Amino acid sequence: AVTVALVYSGYGLTSLAAGWVVGQA
């Protein structure tokens, strides 16, 4: 959800990083 929301908000590659962080933390 974080990755998709950030991609649709225009954050590009940072969306993938943020989604990964959620998945780890």
PDB file of all heavy atoms in Angstrom:
ATOM      1  N   ALA A   1       0.831  -1.210   0.000  1.00  0.00           N
ATOM      2  CA  ALA A   1       0.000   0.000   0.000  1.00  0.00           C
ATOM      3  C   ALA A   1       0.865   1.259   0.000  1.00  0.00           C
ATOM      4  O   ALA A   1       0.576   2.211  -0.742  1.00  0.00           O
ATOM      5  CB  ALA A   1      -0.923  -0.008   1.219  1.00  0.00           C
ATOM      6  N   VAL A   2       1.924   1.269   0.790  1.00  0.00           N
ATOM      7  CA  VAL A   2       2.818   2.432   0.826  1.00  0.00           C
ATOM      8  C   VAL A   2       3.481   2.629  -0.529  1.00  0.00           C
ATOM      9  O   VAL A   2       3.537   3.750  -1.052  1.00  0.00           O
ATOM     10  CB  VAL A   2       3.875   2.273   1.944  1.00  0.00           C
ATOM     11  CG1 VAL A   2       5.009   3.269   1.786  1.00  0.00           C
ATOM     12  CG2 VAL A   2       3.221   2.429   3.307  1.00  0.00           C
ATOM     13  N   THR A   3       3.966   1.549  -1.113  1.00  0.00           N
ATOM     14  CA  THR A   3       4.631   1.652  -2.415  1.00  0.00           C
ATOM     15  C   THR A   3       3.676   2.187  -3.478  1.00  0.00           C
ATOM     16  O   THR A   3       4.012   3.119  -4.206  1.00  0.00           O
ATOM     17  CB  THR A   3       5.184   0.278  -2.846  1.00  0.00           C
ATOM     18  OG1 THR A   3       6.086  -0.194  -1.853  1.00  0.00           O
ATOM     19  CG2 THR A   3       5.896   0.365  -4.181  1.00  0.00           C
ATOM     20  N   VAL A   4       2.490   1.606  -3.559  1.00  0.00           N
ATOM     21  CA  VAL A   4       1.522   2.019  -4.577  1.00  0.00           C
ATOM     22  C   VAL A   4       1.098   3.469  -4.360  1.00  0.00           C
ATOM     23  O   VAL A   4       1.041   4.268  -5.308  1.00  0.00           O
ATOM     24  CB  VAL A   4       0.309   1.066  -4.589  1.00  0.00           C
ATOM     25  CG1 VAL A   4      -0.824   1.611  -5.446  1.00  0.00           C
ATOM     26  CG2 VAL A   4       0.732  -0.309  -5.073  1.00  0.00           C
ATOM     27  N   ALA A   5       0.809   3.825  -3.112  1.00  0.00           N
ATOM     28  CA  ALA A   5       0.377   5.201  -2.826  1.00  0.00           C
ATOM     29  C   ALA A   5       1.454   6.203  -3.201  1.00  0.00           C
ATOM     30  O   ALA A   5       1.157   7.260  -3.787  1.00  0.00           O
ATOM     31  CB  ALA A   5       0.020   5.339  -1.344  1.00  0.00           C
ATOM     32  N   LEU A   6       2.715   5.889  -2.895  1.00  0.00           N
ATOM     33  CA  LEU A   6       3.797   6.818  -3.220  1.00  0.00           C
ATOM     34  C   LEU A   6       4.079   6.865  -4.720  1.00  0.00           C
ATOM     35  O   LEU A   6       4.418   7.919  -5.252  1.00  0.00           O
ATOM     36  CB  LEU A   6       5.057   6.464  -2.428  1.00  0.00           C
ATOM     37  CG  LEU A   6       4.963   6.725  -0.919  1.00  0.00           C
ATOM     38  CD1 LEU A   6       6.226   6.243  -0.209  1.00  0.00           C
ATOM     39  CD2 LEU A   6       4.727   8.193  -0.638  1.00  0.00           C
ATOM     40  N   VAL A   7       3.925   5.735  -5.411  1.00  0.00           N
ATOM     41  CA  VAL A   7       4.094   5.740  -6.865  1.00  0.00           C
ATOM     42  C   VAL A   7       3.037   6.642  -7.495  1.00  0.00           C
ATOM     43  O   VAL A   7       3.339   7.479  -8.347  1.00  0.00           O
ATOM     44  CB  VAL A   7       4.016   4.306  -7.444  1.00  0.00           C
ATOM     45  CG1 VAL A   7       3.800   4.334  -8.955  1.00  0.00           C
ATOM     46  CG2 VAL A   7       5.279   3.532  -7.117  1.00  0.00           C
ATOM     47  N   TYR A   8       1.795   6.489  -7.061  1.00  0.00           N
ATOM     48  CA  TYR A   8       0.722   7.331  -7.608  1.00  0.00           C
ATOM     49  C   TYR A   8       0.873   8.790  -7.216  1.00  0.00           C
ATOM     50  O   TYR A   8       0.357   9.674  -7.887  1.00  0.00           O
ATOM     51  CB  TYR A   8      -0.656   6.809  -7.185  1.00  0.00           C
ATOM     52  CG  TYR A   8      -1.130   5.686  -8.052  1.00  0.00           C
ATOM     53  CD1 TYR A   8      -1.307   4.419  -7.532  1.00  0.00           C
ATOM     54  CD2 TYR A   8      -1.388   5.890  -9.411  1.00  0.00           C
ATOM     55  CE1 TYR A   8      -1.732   3.371  -8.334  1.00  0.00           C
ATOM     56  CE2 TYR A   8      -1.808   4.852 -10.222  1.00  0.00           C
ATOM     57  CZ  TYR A   8      -1.983   3.595  -9.673  1.00  0.00           C
ATOM     58  OH  TYR A   8      -2.397   2.560 -10.471  1.00  0.00           O
ATOM     59  N   SER A   9       1.613   9.049  -6.138  1.00  0.00           N
ATOM     60  CA  SER A   9       1.859  10.440  -5.713  1.00  0.00           C
ATOM     61  C   SER A   9       3.069  11.042  -6.411  1.00  0.00           C
ATOM     62  O   SER A   9       3.430  12.186  -6.153  1.00  0.00           O
ATOM     63  CB  SER A   9       2.047  10.502  -4.201  1.00  0.00           C
ATOM     64  OG  SER A   9       0.872  10.089  -3.539  1.00  0.00           O
ATOM     65  N   GLY A  10       3.743  10.238  -7.250  1.00  0.00           N
ATOM     66  CA  GLY A  10       4.846  10.759  -8.045  1.00  0.00           C
ATOM     67  C   GLY A  10       6.214  10.680  -7.407  1.00  0.00           C
ATOM     68  O   GLY A  10       7.124  11.390  -7.829  1.00  0.00           O
ATOM     69  N   TYR A  11       6.419   9.789  -6.450  1.00  0.00           N
ATOM     70  CA  TYR A  11       7.718   9.710  -5.773  1.00  0.00           C
ATOM     71  C   TYR A  11       8.717   8.777  -6.461  1.00  0.00           C
ATOM     72  O   TYR A  11       9.845   8.650  -6.001  1.00  0.00           O
ATOM     73  CB  TYR A  11       7.533   9.303  -4.306  1.00  0.00           C
ATOM     74  CG  TYR A  11       6.992  10.436  -3.472  1.00  0.00           C
ATOM     75  CD1 TYR A  11       5.631  10.574  -3.257  1.00  0.00           C
ATOM     76  CD2 TYR A  11       7.847  11.376  -2.927  1.00  0.00           C
ATOM     77  CE1 TYR A  11       5.137  11.613  -2.507  1.00  0.00           C
ATOM     78  CE2 TYR A  11       7.356  12.424  -2.175  1.00  0.00           C
ATOM     79  CZ  TYR A  11       6.001  12.536  -1.962  1.00  0.00           C
ATOM     80  OH  TYR A  11       5.513  13.570  -1.218  1.00  0.00           O
ATOM     81  N   GLY A  12       8.349   8.128  -7.515  1.00  0.00           N
ATOM     82  CA  GLY A  12       9.277   7.331  -8.315  1.00  0.00           C
ATOM     83  C   GLY A  12       9.990   6.242  -7.536  1.00  0.00           C
ATOM     84  O   GLY A  12       9.374   5.483  -6.792  1.00  0.00           O
ATOM     85  N   LEU A  13      11.310   6.177  -7.708  1.00  0.00           N
ATOM     86  CA  LEU A  13      12.107   5.138  -7.059  1.00  0.00           C
ATOM     87  C   LEU A  13      12.072   5.219  -5.539  1.00  0.00           C
ATOM     88  O   LEU A  13      12.225   4.203  -4.857  1.00  0.00           O
ATOM     89  CB  LEU A  13      13.559   5.224  -7.542  1.00  0.00           C
ATOM     90  CG  LEU A  13      13.803   4.814  -8.986  1.00  0.00           C
ATOM     91  CD1 LEU A  13      15.252   5.078  -9.374  1.00  0.00           C
ATOM     92  CD2 LEU A  13      13.456   3.367  -9.204  1.00  0.00           C
ATOM     93  N   THR A  14      11.834   6.391  -5.008  1.00  0.00           N
ATOM     94  CA  THR A  14      11.726   6.534  -3.558  1.00  0.00           C
ATOM     95  C   THR A  14      10.549   5.721  -3.032  1.00  0.00           C
ATOM     96  O   THR A  14      10.570   5.249  -1.898  1.00  0.00           O
ATOM     97  CB  THR A  14      11.591   8.023  -3.176  1.00  0.00           C
ATOM     98  OG1 THR A  14      12.718   8.725  -3.712  1.00  0.00           O
ATOM     99  CG2 THR A  14      11.538   8.221  -1.685  1.00  0.00           C
ATOM    100  N   SER A  15       9.534   5.516  -3.852  1.00  0.00           N
ATOM    101  CA  SER A  15       8.383   4.694  -3.464  1.00  0.00           C
ATOM    102  C   SER A  15       8.815   3.272  -3.155  1.00  0.00           C
ATOM    103  O   SER A  15       8.361   2.671  -2.176  1.00  0.00           O
ATOM    104  CB  SER A  15       7.351   4.658  -4.582  1.00  0.00           C
ATOM    105  OG  SER A  15       7.008   5.948  -4.999  1.00  0.00           O
ATOM    106  N   LEU A  16       9.678   2.732  -3.990  1.00  0.00           N
ATOM    107  CA  LEU A  16      10.172   1.369  -3.759  1.00  0.00           C
ATOM    108  C   LEU A  16      10.982   1.294  -2.473  1.00  0.00           C
ATOM    109  O   LEU A  16      10.859   0.330  -1.705  1.00  0.00           O
ATOM    110  CB  LEU A  16      11.018   0.906  -4.949  1.00  0.00           C
ATOM    111  CG  LEU A  16      10.301   0.751  -6.271  1.00  0.00           C
ATOM    112  CD1 LEU A  16      11.297   0.407  -7.368  1.00  0.00           C
ATOM    113  CD2 LEU A  16       9.220  -0.303  -6.167  1.00  0.00           C
ATOM    114  N   ALA A  17      11.805   2.292  -2.245  1.00  0.00           N
ATOM    115  CA  ALA A  17      12.613   2.313  -1.022  1.00  0.00           C
ATOM    116  C   ALA A  17      11.714   2.396   0.207  1.00  0.00           C
ATOM    117  O   ALA A  17      11.919   1.671   1.184  1.00  0.00           O
ATOM    118  CB  ALA A  17      13.584   3.492  -1.058  1.00  0.00           C
ATOM    119  N   ALA A  18      10.709   3.248   0.168  1.00  0.00           N
ATOM    120  CA  ALA A  18       9.812   3.404   1.313  1.00  0.00           C
ATOM    121  C   ALA A  18       9.025   2.127   1.578  1.00  0.00           C
ATOM    122  O   ALA A  18       8.875   1.710   2.738  1.00  0.00           O
ATOM    123  CB  ALA A  18       8.868   4.581   1.080  1.00  0.00           C
ATOM    124  N   GLY A  19       8.538   1.490   0.542  1.00  0.00           N
ATOM    125  CA  GLY A  19       7.830   0.218   0.712  1.00  0.00           C
ATOM    126  C   GLY A  19       8.726  -0.844   1.304  1.00  0.00           C
ATOM    127  O   GLY A  19       8.313  -1.624   2.170  1.00  0.00           O
ATOM    128  N   TRP A  20       9.963  -0.893   0.841  1.00  0.00           N
ATOM    129  CA  TRP A  20      10.921  -1.855   1.383  1.00  0.00           C
ATOM    130  C   TRP A  20      11.181  -1.578   2.863  1.00  0.00           C
ATOM    131  O   TRP A  20      11.259  -2.511   3.666  1.00  0.00           O
ATOM    132  CB  TRP A  20      12.225  -1.803   0.587  1.00  0.00           C
ATOM    133  CG  TRP A  20      13.228  -2.791   1.076  1.00  0.00           C
ATOM    134  CD1 TRP A  20      13.340  -4.101   0.685  1.00  0.00           C
ATOM    135  CD2 TRP A  20      14.243  -2.568   2.050  1.00  0.00           C
ATOM    136  NE1 TRP A  20      14.373  -4.695   1.376  1.00  0.00           N
ATOM    137  CE2 TRP A  20      14.942  -3.778   2.216  1.00  0.00           C
ATOM    138  CE3 TRP A  20      14.630  -1.467   2.800  1.00  0.00           C
ATOM    139  CZ2 TRP A  20      16.005  -3.914   3.098  1.00  0.00           C
ATOM    140  CZ3 TRP A  20      15.691  -1.607   3.680  1.00  0.00           C
ATOM    141  CH2 TRP A  20      16.367  -2.815   3.821  1.00  0.00           C
ATOM    142  N   VAL A  21      11.313  -0.306   3.215  1.00  0.00           N
ATOM    143  CA  VAL A  21      11.558   0.063   4.618  1.00  0.00           C
ATOM    144  C   VAL A  21      10.399  -0.421   5.488  1.00  0.00           C
ATOM    145  O   VAL A  21      10.621  -0.994   6.562  1.00  0.00           O
ATOM    146  CB  VAL A  21      11.765   1.584   4.769  1.00  0.00           C
ATOM    147  CG1 VAL A  21      11.748   2.000   6.228  1.00  0.00           C
ATOM    148  CG2 VAL A  21      13.082   2.002   4.121  1.00  0.00           C
ATOM    149  N   VAL A  22       9.178  -0.208   5.035  1.00  0.00           N
ATOM    150  CA  VAL A  22       8.019  -0.693   5.800  1.00  0.00           C
ATOM    151  C   VAL A  22       8.100  -2.213   5.962  1.00  0.00           C
ATOM    152  O   VAL A  22       7.879  -2.744   7.054  1.00  0.00           O
ATOM    153  CB  VAL A  22       6.694  -0.276   5.114  1.00  0.00           C
ATOM    154  CG1 VAL A  22       5.500  -0.984   5.741  1.00  0.00           C
ATOM    155  CG2 VAL A  22       6.526   1.229   5.188  1.00  0.00           C
ATOM    156  N   GLY A  23       8.448  -2.904   4.888  1.00  0.00           N
ATOM    157  CA  GLY A  23       8.553  -4.355   4.922  1.00  0.00           C
ATOM    158  C   GLY A  23       9.629  -4.873   5.855  1.00  0.00           C
ATOM    159  O   GLY A  23       9.536  -5.998   6.360  1.00  0.00           O
ATOM    160  N   GLN A  24      10.653  -4.091   6.103  1.00  0.00           N
ATOM    161  CA  GLN A  24      11.727  -4.496   7.007  1.00  0.00           C
ATOM    162  C   GLN A  24      11.469  -4.051   8.445  1.00  0.00           C
ATOM    163  O   GLN A  24      11.710  -4.803   9.384  1.00  0.00           O
ATOM    164  CB  GLN A  24      13.068  -3.916   6.535  1.00  0.00           C
ATOM    165  CG  GLN A  24      13.540  -4.433   5.212  1.00  0.00           C
ATOM    166  CD  GLN A  24      13.797  -5.918   5.249  1.00  0.00           C
ATOM    167  OE1 GLN A  24      14.535  -6.418   6.076  1.00  0.00           O
ATOM    168  NE2 GLN A  24      13.144  -6.651   4.355  1.00  0.00           N
ATOM    169  N   ALA A  25      11.012  -2.826   8.610  1.00  0.00           N
ATOM    170  CA  ALA A  25      10.901  -2.246   9.948  1.00  0.00           C
ATOM    171  C   ALA A  25       9.696  -2.775  10.723  1.00  0.00           C
ATOM    172  O   ALA A  25       9.807  -3.061  11.918  1.00  0.00           O
ATOM    173  CB  ALA A  25      10.835  -0.721   9.849  1.00  0.00           C
TER     174      ALA A  25
END
